[in-house]
Amino acid sequence: MSGGVDCLAITEDDITKMLAATTHIGSDNSETTMEQYIFKKKTNGINIINLKKTWEKLLLAARAIAAIENPQDVYVVTTRPTTQRAVLKFARYVGCSSIAGRFT
């Protein structure tokens, strides 16, 4: 997925950071469309997410965002309190618009 570019290949440091952020911990329920991203299911029913596939989807999203000429055309939206800080920081660094919290 990195397209042969070494700087986009996943490194041990990237894996360590994703593990520290508990990116790999899923929920105990999953839809059939999500099963391709599940690496394993723990004995308590919690799904473990495949970090390599997560990295590939991050690269795909980054390339899609980078292809947009005007950053103000990008909107980042979240309603969960645990993700609001990340969305606000991302929007500030990228220069795009954000909606963090409930909106109607």
C-alpha atoms as a PDB file:
ATOM      1  CA  MET A   1       0.000   0.000   0.000  1.00  0.00           C
ATOM      2  CA  SER A   2       2.926   2.355   0.577  1.00  0.00           C
ATOM      3  CA  GLY A   3       3.531   2.346  -3.168  1.00  0.00           C
ATOM      4  CA  GLY A   4       7.169   1.341  -2.747  1.00  0.00           C
ATOM      5  CA  VAL A   5       8.073   4.530  -0.891  1.00  0.00           C
ATOM      6  CA  ASP A   6      10.152   3.599   2.161  1.00  0.00           C
ATOM      7  CA  CYS A   7       9.048   6.569   4.257  1.00  0.00           C
ATOM      8  CA  LEU A   8       5.426   5.358   4.065  1.00  0.00           C
ATOM      9  CA  ALA A   9       6.195   1.784   5.109  1.00  0.00           C
ATOM     10  CA  ILE A  10       5.049   0.864   8.595  1.00  0.00           C
ATOM     11  CA  THR A  11       7.867   0.826  11.158  1.00  0.00           C
ATOM     12  CA  GLU A  12       8.261  -0.731  14.578  1.00  0.00           C
ATOM     13  CA  ASP A  13       7.901   2.756  16.081  1.00  0.00           C
ATOM     14  CA  ASP A  14       4.552   3.197  14.321  1.00  0.00           C
ATOM     15  CA  ILE A  15       3.329  -0.149  15.673  1.00  0.00           C
ATOM     16  CA  THR A  16       4.485   0.774  19.187  1.00  0.00           C
ATOM     17  CA  LYS A  17       2.608   4.083  19.069  1.00  0.00           C
ATOM     18  CA  MET A  18      -0.580   2.445  17.798  1.00  0.00           C
ATOM     19  CA  LEU A  19      -0.358  -0.202  20.534  1.00  0.00           C
ATOM     20  CA  ALA A  20       0.183   2.505  23.175  1.00  0.00           C
ATOM     21  CA  ALA A  21      -2.900   4.333  21.876  1.00  0.00           C
ATOM     22  CA  THR A  22      -4.871   1.045  22.050  1.00  0.00           C
ATOM     23  CA  THR A  23      -5.704   1.363  18.360  1.00  0.00           C
ATOM     24  CA  HIS A  24      -5.841  -2.409  18.143  1.00  0.00           C
ATOM     25  CA  ILE A  25      -8.631  -2.869  20.698  1.00  0.00           C
ATOM     26  CA  GLY A  26     -12.039  -3.207  19.102  1.00  0.00           C
ATOM     27  CA  SER A  27     -15.470  -3.835  20.526  1.00  0.00           C
ATOM     28  CA  ASP A  28     -17.146  -7.121  21.304  1.00  0.00           C
ATOM     29  CA  ASN A  29     -19.521  -6.883  18.361  1.00  0.00           C
ATOM     30  CA  SER A  30     -18.662  -6.634  14.692  1.00  0.00           C
ATOM     31  CA  GLU A  31     -20.491  -6.492  11.410  1.00  0.00           C
ATOM     32  CA  THR A  32     -19.663  -8.786   8.529  1.00  0.00           C
ATOM     33  CA  THR A  33     -18.054  -5.912   6.620  1.00  0.00           C
ATOM     34  CA  MET A  34     -15.652  -5.358   9.528  1.00  0.00           C
ATOM     35  CA  GLU A  35     -14.511  -8.986   9.777  1.00  0.00           C
ATOM     36  CA  GLN A  36     -11.742  -8.497   7.218  1.00  0.00           C
ATOM     37  CA  TYR A  37     -10.030  -6.059   9.611  1.00  0.00           C
ATOM     38  CA  ILE A  38     -10.235  -8.270  12.695  1.00  0.00           C
ATOM     39  CA  PHE A  39      -6.994 -10.051  13.474  1.00  0.00           C
ATOM     40  CA  LYS A  40      -8.244 -12.161  16.368  1.00  0.00           C
ATOM     41  CA  LYS A  41     -11.001 -12.410  18.960  1.00  0.00           C
ATOM     42  CA  LYS A  42     -10.020 -12.595  22.643  1.00  0.00           C
ATOM     43  CA  THR A  43     -11.633 -15.107  24.986  1.00  0.00           C
ATOM     44  CA  ASN A  44     -13.771 -12.331  26.501  1.00  0.00           C
ATOM     45  CA  GLY A  45     -15.158 -11.501  23.039  1.00  0.00           C
ATOM     46  CA  ILE A  46     -13.164  -8.330  22.362  1.00  0.00           C
ATOM     47  CA  ASN A  47     -11.912  -8.041  18.790  1.00  0.00           C
ATOM     48  CA  ILE A  48      -8.237  -7.323  18.107  1.00  0.00           C
ATOM     49  CA  ILE A  49      -7.866  -5.119  15.024  1.00  0.00           C
ATOM     50  CA  ASN A  50      -5.201  -5.831  12.392  1.00  0.00           C
ATOM     51  CA  LEU A  51      -2.731  -2.920  12.653  1.00  0.00           C
ATOM     52  CA  LYS A  52      -1.257  -3.487   9.198  1.00  0.00           C
ATOM     53  CA  LYS A  53      -4.672  -3.011   7.601  1.00  0.00           C
ATOM     54  CA  THR A  54      -5.287  -0.011   9.876  1.00  0.00           C
ATOM     55  CA  TRP A  55      -2.033   1.529   8.622  1.00  0.00           C
ATOM     56  CA  GLU A  56      -3.073   0.929   5.008  1.00  0.00           C
ATOM     57  CA  LYS A  57      -6.397   2.700   5.583  1.00  0.00           C
ATOM     58  CA  LEU A  58      -4.595   5.609   7.289  1.00  0.00           C
ATOM     59  CA  LEU A  59      -2.371   5.988   4.233  1.00  0.00           C
ATOM     60  CA  LEU A  60      -5.391   5.871   1.948  1.00  0.00           C
ATOM     61  CA  ALA A  61      -7.124   8.591   3.986  1.00  0.00           C
ATOM     62  CA  ALA A  62      -3.968  10.715   4.067  1.00  0.00           C
ATOM     63  CA  ARG A  63      -3.593  10.477   0.309  1.00  0.00           C
ATOM     64  CA  ALA A  64      -7.229  11.418  -0.220  1.00  0.00           C
ATOM     65  CA  ILE A  65      -6.888  14.467   2.025  1.00  0.00           C
ATOM     66  CA  ALA A  66      -3.579  15.491   0.431  1.00  0.00           C
ATOM     67  CA  ALA A  67      -5.156  15.347  -3.034  1.00  0.00           C
ATOM     68  CA  ILE A  68      -7.633  18.097  -2.143  1.00  0.00           C
ATOM     69  CA  GLU A  69      -6.273  21.454  -3.234  1.00  0.00           C
ATOM     70  CA  ASN A  70      -8.040  23.653  -0.688  1.00  0.00           C
ATOM     71  CA  PRO A  71      -7.772  22.403   2.927  1.00  0.00           C
ATOM     72  CA  GLN A  72     -10.912  24.366   3.830  1.00  0.00           C
ATOM     73  CA  ASP A  73     -12.873  21.884   1.700  1.00  0.00           C
ATOM     74  CA  VAL A  74     -12.040  19.132   4.220  1.00  0.00           C
ATOM     75  CA  TYR A  75     -14.344  18.657   7.222  1.00  0.00           C
ATOM     76  CA  VAL A  76     -13.435  16.519  10.207  1.00  0.00           C
ATOM     77  CA  VAL A  77     -16.412  15.562  12.383  1.00  0.00           C
ATOM     78  CA  THR A  78     -16.761  13.776  15.717  1.00  0.00           C
ATOM     79  CA  THR A  79     -19.441  13.553  18.350  1.00  0.00           C
ATOM     80  CA  ARG A  80     -17.591  11.366  20.839  1.00  0.00           C
ATOM     81  CA  PRO A  81     -15.987  13.225  23.734  1.00  0.00           C
ATOM     82  CA  THR A  82     -12.914  10.981  23.628  1.00  0.00           C
ATOM     83  CA  THR A  83     -12.083  11.987  20.049  1.00  0.00           C
ATOM     84  CA  GLN A  84     -12.835  15.713  20.133  1.00  0.00           C
ATOM     85  CA  ARG A  85      -9.329  16.780  21.105  1.00  0.00           C
ATOM     86  CA  ALA A  86      -7.768  14.735  18.281  1.00  0.00           C
ATOM     87  CA  VAL A  87     -10.151  16.201  15.707  1.00  0.00           C
ATOM     88  CA  LEU A  88      -9.488  19.764  16.841  1.00  0.00           C
ATOM     89  CA  LYS A  89      -5.706  19.261  16.735  1.00  0.00           C
ATOM     90  CA  PHE A  90      -5.879  17.610  13.309  1.00  0.00           C
ATOM     91  CA  ALA A  91      -7.960  20.464  11.920  1.00  0.00           C
ATOM     92  CA  ARG A  92      -5.573  23.040  13.344  1.00  0.00           C
ATOM     93  CA  TYR A  93      -2.473  21.411  11.831  1.00  0.00           C
ATOM     94  CA  VAL A  94      -4.022  20.622   8.450  1.00  0.00           C
ATOM     95  CA  GLY A  95      -5.937  23.890   8.167  1.00  0.00           C
ATOM     96  CA  CYS A  96      -9.312  22.271   7.602  1.00  0.00           C
ATOM     97  CA  SER A  97     -12.700  22.784   9.220  1.00  0.00           C
ATOM     98  CA  SER A  98     -13.824  20.779  12.225  1.00  0.00           C
ATOM     99  CA  ILE A  99     -16.996  19.994  14.095  1.00  0.00           C
ATOM    100  CA  ALA A 100     -16.320  18.531  17.531  1.00  0.00           C
ATOM    101  CA  GLY A 101     -19.362  17.750  19.631  1.00  0.00           C
ATOM    102  CA  ARG A 102     -23.052  17.615  18.939  1.00  0.00           C
ATOM    103  CA  PHE A 103     -24.376  19.476  15.961  1.00  0.00           C
ATOM    104  CA  THR A 104     -27.834  19.904  14.546  1.00  0.00           C
END
